[in-house]
Amino acid sequence: MINSPLVVFVIALFAQWGAAFGGDVLRQRVRPIESKERQDLDIVLTAALTLFALIIGFSFSMAVTRYDQRKNYEEAEANAIGTEYLRADLLPADDAARVRALLRTYIDQRILFYLGKERLISETGPKPELLQAELWSTVAHVGSTQPTPVVALAIWGMNDVLNSQGYTQAAWLNRIPLAAWSLMGLIAVFSNGLLGYRERSSGKLAPVILPVIASIAFFLIADIDSPNGGIIHVVPQNLMMTAQSIKAP
């Protein structure tokens, strides 16, 4: 569900509207507010809404941090691939040509990964894990036959290429915990329930507007936190520029 920000928005909106309506029904038909309870209820409602705002801010900060991390790892991947492409000159001619060809295929696959088009990766060449194994075996073979400091630089560069992909994968899996979503949802429901239960001197605009505003915040948090879902993504600009430079004639 949290991979579909629009679903999060719809569920949050109707859950909060339902809570506000339920609170209003409870006050009107089941248990009206006594005069001596109004001040206490206002204090509890203010505290609940304040806590709700803090939880939203905290969750938004978590989502932005993870988004920035994914952007940083995309840049690191592009630098690692570009560096290793240049270091291929340190290998024998045949092995260098092979490494460059494999890197050109590999960077195309990484771009498709960032664009959320993983289904198209199989059309560009071997599976990513097989391509990585082939890249490593090529430089490892040279290193075993020619264990020189110069060749070690090429091996080290390939190690950075493979490690950067692992870091990116870890960042893709690093999401806002489900417990945080659950707590934020519970506080939203109870806050809107209290808002609906509270007597109002003019209209019922607040119990209608607050769920909309909070649901938009939920949508934004889920969108930023989702690597491929929604409308906000990490565009692999650095990988695209690197791909253009290594494929230039």
Protein backbone atom coordinates (compact mmCIF):
# COMPACT_ATOMS: atom_id res chain seq x y z
CA MET A 1 0.00 0.00 0.00
CA ILE A 2 2.76 2.46 0.91
CA ASN A 3 4.21 1.94 -2.58
CA SER A 4 1.06 3.62 -3.95
CA PRO A 5 0.84 7.17 -2.54
CA LEU A 6 -2.60 7.71 -4.10
CA VAL A 7 -3.95 4.70 -2.18
CA VAL A 8 -2.45 6.13 1.01
CA PHE A 9 -4.19 9.45 0.31
CA VAL A 10 -7.60 7.86 -0.27
CA ILE A 11 -7.42 5.57 2.77
CA ALA A 12 -6.17 8.37 5.04
CA LEU A 13 -8.85 10.77 3.80
CA PHE A 14 -11.81 8.47 4.33
CA ALA A 15 -10.46 7.13 7.64
CA GLN A 16 -10.14 10.66 9.03
CA TRP A 17 -13.51 11.77 7.63
CA GLY A 18 -15.07 8.68 9.21
CA ALA A 19 -13.43 9.46 12.57
CA ALA A 20 -14.62 13.08 12.48
CA PHE A 21 -18.16 12.04 11.53
CA GLY A 22 -18.15 9.38 14.24
CA GLY A 23 -17.11 11.94 16.84
CA ASP A 24 -19.86 14.30 15.73
CA VAL A 25 -22.48 11.54 15.95
CA LEU A 26 -21.19 10.53 19.38
CA ARG A 27 -21.60 14.09 20.67
CA GLN A 28 -25.05 14.66 19.19
CA ARG A 29 -26.75 11.33 19.79
CA VAL A 30 -24.88 9.33 22.41
CA ARG A 31 -23.03 11.52 24.88
CA PRO A 32 -23.21 15.31 24.67
CA ILE A 33 -20.35 17.32 26.13
CA GLU A 34 -20.97 18.58 29.63
CA SER A 35 -20.01 22.17 30.36
CA LYS A 36 -17.32 21.19 32.87
CA GLU A 37 -15.68 18.89 30.29
CA ARG A 38 -15.23 21.43 27.52
CA GLN A 39 -12.04 23.01 28.83
CA ASP A 40 -10.42 19.61 29.42
CA LEU A 41 -11.47 18.46 25.97
CA ASP A 42 -9.93 21.56 24.39
CA ILE A 43 -6.63 20.84 26.17
CA VAL A 44 -6.63 17.21 25.02
CA LEU A 45 -7.55 18.19 21.46
CA THR A 46 -4.80 20.81 21.29
CA ALA A 47 -2.24 18.31 22.60
CA ALA A 48 -3.40 15.65 20.12
CA LEU A 49 -3.24 18.00 17.13
CA THR A 50 0.20 19.24 18.21
CA LEU A 51 1.48 15.68 18.51
CA PHE A 52 -0.09 14.87 15.14
CA ALA A 53 1.74 17.79 13.52
CA LEU A 54 5.04 16.71 15.10
CA ILE A 55 4.62 13.13 13.87
CA ILE A 56 3.91 14.36 10.34
CA GLY A 57 6.98 16.62 10.45
CA PHE A 58 9.14 13.80 11.78
CA SER A 59 7.91 11.37 9.11
CA PHE A 60 8.44 13.97 6.38
CA SER A 61 12.01 14.47 7.59
CA MET A 62 12.60 10.71 7.48
CA ALA A 63 11.27 10.52 3.92
CA VAL A 64 13.39 13.45 2.69
CA THR A 65 16.52 11.96 4.29
CA ARG A 66 15.95 8.68 2.46
CA TYR A 67 15.30 10.51 -0.80
CA ASP A 68 18.55 12.45 -0.47
CA GLN A 69 20.36 9.20 0.28
CA ARG A 70 19.06 7.62 -2.92
CA LYS A 71 20.19 10.68 -4.90
CA ASN A 72 23.67 10.52 -3.36
CA TYR A 73 24.05 6.85 -4.21
CA GLU A 74 22.95 7.50 -7.80
CA GLU A 75 25.76 10.04 -8.09
CA ALA A 76 28.20 7.60 -6.49
CA GLU A 77 27.22 4.88 -8.96
CA ALA A 78 27.76 7.19 -11.92
CA ASN A 79 31.20 8.24 -10.64
CA ALA A 80 32.24 4.65 -9.95
CA ILE A 81 31.20 3.43 -13.41
CA GLY A 82 32.84 6.38 -15.16
CA THR A 83 36.08 5.91 -13.21
CA GLU A 84 36.23 2.19 -13.92
CA TYR A 85 35.58 2.82 -17.61
CA LEU A 86 38.71 4.99 -17.67
CA ARG A 87 40.73 2.54 -15.58
CA ALA A 88 40.00 -0.17 -18.13
CA ASP A 89 42.98 1.33 -20.02
CA LEU A 90 45.17 -0.28 -17.36
CA LEU A 91 44.09 -3.75 -18.47
CA PRO A 92 45.31 -5.70 -21.50
CA ALA A 93 43.65 -4.59 -24.73
CA ASP A 94 41.24 -7.54 -25.09
CA ASP A 95 40.17 -7.43 -21.46
CA ALA A 96 39.82 -3.65 -21.56
CA ALA A 97 37.51 -3.85 -24.57
CA ARG A 98 35.44 -6.52 -22.84
CA VAL A 99 35.13 -4.51 -19.62
CA ARG A 100 34.08 -1.39 -21.51
CA ALA A 101 31.42 -3.29 -23.47
CA LEU A 102 30.08 -4.83 -20.27
CA LEU A 103 30.04 -1.46 -18.49
CA ARG A 104 28.04 0.11 -21.32
CA THR A 105 25.43 -2.62 -20.93
CA TYR A 106 25.59 -2.37 -17.15
CA ILE A 107 24.96 1.37 -17.04
CA ASP A 108 21.93 0.98 -19.31
CA GLN A 109 20.51 -1.52 -16.83
CA ARG A 110 21.17 0.78 -13.91
CA ILE A 111 19.35 3.63 -15.67
CA LEU A 112 16.34 1.38 -16.26
CA PHE A 113 16.42 0.41 -12.59
CA TYR A 114 16.24 4.04 -11.48
CA LEU A 115 13.46 4.75 -13.97
CA GLY A 116 11.39 1.89 -12.54
CA LYS A 117 11.58 -0.08 -15.81
CA GLU A 118 13.17 -3.22 -14.42
CA ARG A 119 11.04 -5.39 -16.71
CA LEU A 120 13.01 -4.01 -19.66
CA ILE A 121 16.40 -4.90 -18.18
CA SER A 122 16.33 -8.42 -19.63
CA GLU A 123 16.15 -6.87 -23.12
CA THR A 124 19.47 -5.06 -22.70
CA GLY A 125 21.64 -8.10 -21.98
CA PRO A 126 22.34 -10.69 -19.26
CA LYS A 127 20.63 -10.53 -15.88
CA PRO A 128 22.22 -7.91 -13.59
CA GLU A 129 23.72 -10.49 -11.24
CA LEU A 130 25.25 -12.41 -14.15
CA LEU A 131 26.59 -9.19 -15.65
CA GLN A 132 28.18 -8.23 -12.35
CA ALA A 133 29.76 -11.68 -12.04
CA GLU A 134 31.14 -11.36 -15.56
CA LEU A 135 32.57 -7.92 -14.87
CA TRP A 136 34.28 -9.12 -11.71
CA SER A 137 35.60 -12.35 -13.25
CA THR A 138 37.17 -10.39 -16.10
CA VAL A 139 39.22 -8.07 -13.87
CA ALA A 140 39.90 -10.83 -11.33
CA HIS A 141 41.37 -13.03 -14.05
CA VAL A 142 43.73 -10.26 -15.11
CA GLY A 143 44.65 -9.62 -11.49
CA SER A 144 45.52 -13.28 -10.92
CA THR A 145 47.73 -13.46 -14.00
CA GLN A 146 49.25 -9.96 -13.72
CA PRO A 147 49.27 -8.98 -10.02
CA THR A 148 50.68 -5.49 -10.47
CA PRO A 149 49.78 -2.25 -8.65
CA VAL A 150 48.46 -0.81 -11.91
CA VAL A 151 46.04 -3.70 -12.44
CA ALA A 152 45.05 -3.45 -8.78
CA LEU A 153 43.65 0.02 -9.50
CA ALA A 154 41.30 -1.45 -12.10
CA ILE A 155 40.24 -4.18 -9.68
CA TRP A 156 39.65 -1.61 -6.95
CA GLY A 157 37.53 0.47 -9.33
CA MET A 158 35.40 -2.54 -10.22
CA ASN A 159 34.96 -3.24 -6.54
CA ASP A 160 33.58 0.30 -6.15
CA VAL A 161 31.16 -0.27 -9.04
CA LEU A 162 29.73 -3.41 -7.47
CA ASN A 163 29.67 -1.95 -3.94
CA SER A 164 27.82 1.17 -5.08
CA GLN A 165 25.06 -0.99 -6.52
CA GLY A 166 24.73 -2.78 -3.19
CA TYR A 167 24.50 0.53 -1.34
CA THR A 168 21.80 1.70 -3.74
CA GLN A 169 19.81 -1.49 -3.24
CA ALA A 170 20.02 -1.05 0.53
CA ALA A 171 18.81 2.56 0.20
CA TRP A 172 15.87 1.40 -1.94
CA LEU A 173 14.82 -0.96 0.86
CA ASN A 174 15.32 1.64 3.60
CA ARG A 175 11.76 2.91 4.00
CA ILE A 176 9.76 4.56 6.75
CA PRO A 177 8.91 1.73 9.18
CA LEU A 178 5.38 0.35 9.15
CA ALA A 179 5.16 1.10 12.88
CA ALA A 180 5.65 4.81 12.15
CA TRP A 181 2.85 4.74 9.57
CA SER A 182 0.58 2.91 12.03
CA LEU A 183 1.21 5.40 14.84
CA MET A 184 0.69 8.34 12.50
CA GLY A 185 -2.58 6.82 11.30
CA LEU A 186 -3.85 6.16 14.82
CA ILE A 187 -3.05 9.68 15.98
CA ALA A 188 -4.78 11.07 12.88
CA VAL A 189 -7.92 9.04 13.54
CA PHE A 190 -8.11 9.96 17.23
CA SER A 191 -7.35 13.64 16.55
CA ASN A 192 -10.12 13.88 13.96
CA GLY A 193 -12.46 11.96 16.24
CA LEU A 194 -11.87 14.48 19.01
CA LEU A 195 -12.29 17.35 16.55
CA GLY A 196 -15.62 15.94 15.43
CA TYR A 197 -16.71 15.39 19.03
CA ARG A 198 -15.93 18.96 20.06
CA GLU A 199 -18.77 21.48 19.89
CA ARG A 200 -18.35 24.20 17.28
CA SER A 201 -19.95 27.61 17.23
CA SER A 202 -19.93 27.94 13.42
CA GLY A 203 -20.36 25.21 10.82
CA LYS A 204 -18.48 21.96 10.32
CA LEU A 205 -15.67 23.16 8.10
CA ALA A 206 -12.78 22.15 10.38
CA PRO A 207 -13.62 18.40 10.50
CA VAL A 208 -13.83 18.43 6.70
CA ILE A 209 -10.72 20.45 5.89
CA LEU A 210 -8.28 18.95 8.40
CA PRO A 211 -8.55 15.38 6.98
CA VAL A 212 -7.90 16.75 3.49
CA ILE A 213 -4.80 18.66 4.60
CA ALA A 214 -3.48 15.73 6.63
CA SER A 215 -4.14 13.29 3.76
CA ILE A 216 -2.17 15.52 1.37
CA ALA A 217 0.71 15.40 3.86
CA PHE A 218 0.40 11.60 3.99
CA PHE A 219 0.46 11.48 0.19
CA LEU A 220 3.59 13.65 0.03
CA ILE A 221 5.41 11.57 2.63
CA ALA A 222 4.50 8.29 0.90
CA ASP A 223 5.47 9.72 -2.49
CA ILE A 224 8.91 10.90 -1.38
CA ASP A 225 9.52 7.68 0.56
CA SER A 226 8.59 5.43 -2.37
CA PRO A 227 11.51 4.93 -4.80
CA ASN A 228 9.34 4.08 -7.81
CA GLY A 229 5.73 4.81 -6.83
CA GLY A 230 4.08 8.20 -7.16
CA ILE A 231 5.37 11.26 -9.00
CA ILE A 232 8.62 12.18 -7.19
CA HIS A 233 11.57 10.03 -8.25
CA VAL A 234 15.34 10.08 -8.29
CA VAL A 235 16.06 10.90 -11.93
CA PRO A 236 19.36 9.21 -12.92
CA GLN A 237 20.81 12.34 -14.51
CA ASN A 238 24.38 11.51 -13.52
CA LEU A 239 24.11 7.98 -14.89
CA MET A 240 22.60 9.30 -18.12
CA MET A 241 25.44 11.81 -18.58
CA THR A 242 28.01 9.12 -17.84
CA ALA A 243 26.32 6.78 -20.32
CA GLN A 244 26.50 9.49 -23.00
CA SER A 245 30.16 10.15 -22.32
CA ILE A 246 31.27 6.49 -22.45
CA LYS A 247 29.22 5.83 -25.60
CA ALA A 248 30.42 8.94 -27.41
CA PRO A 249 32.45 8.12 -30.53
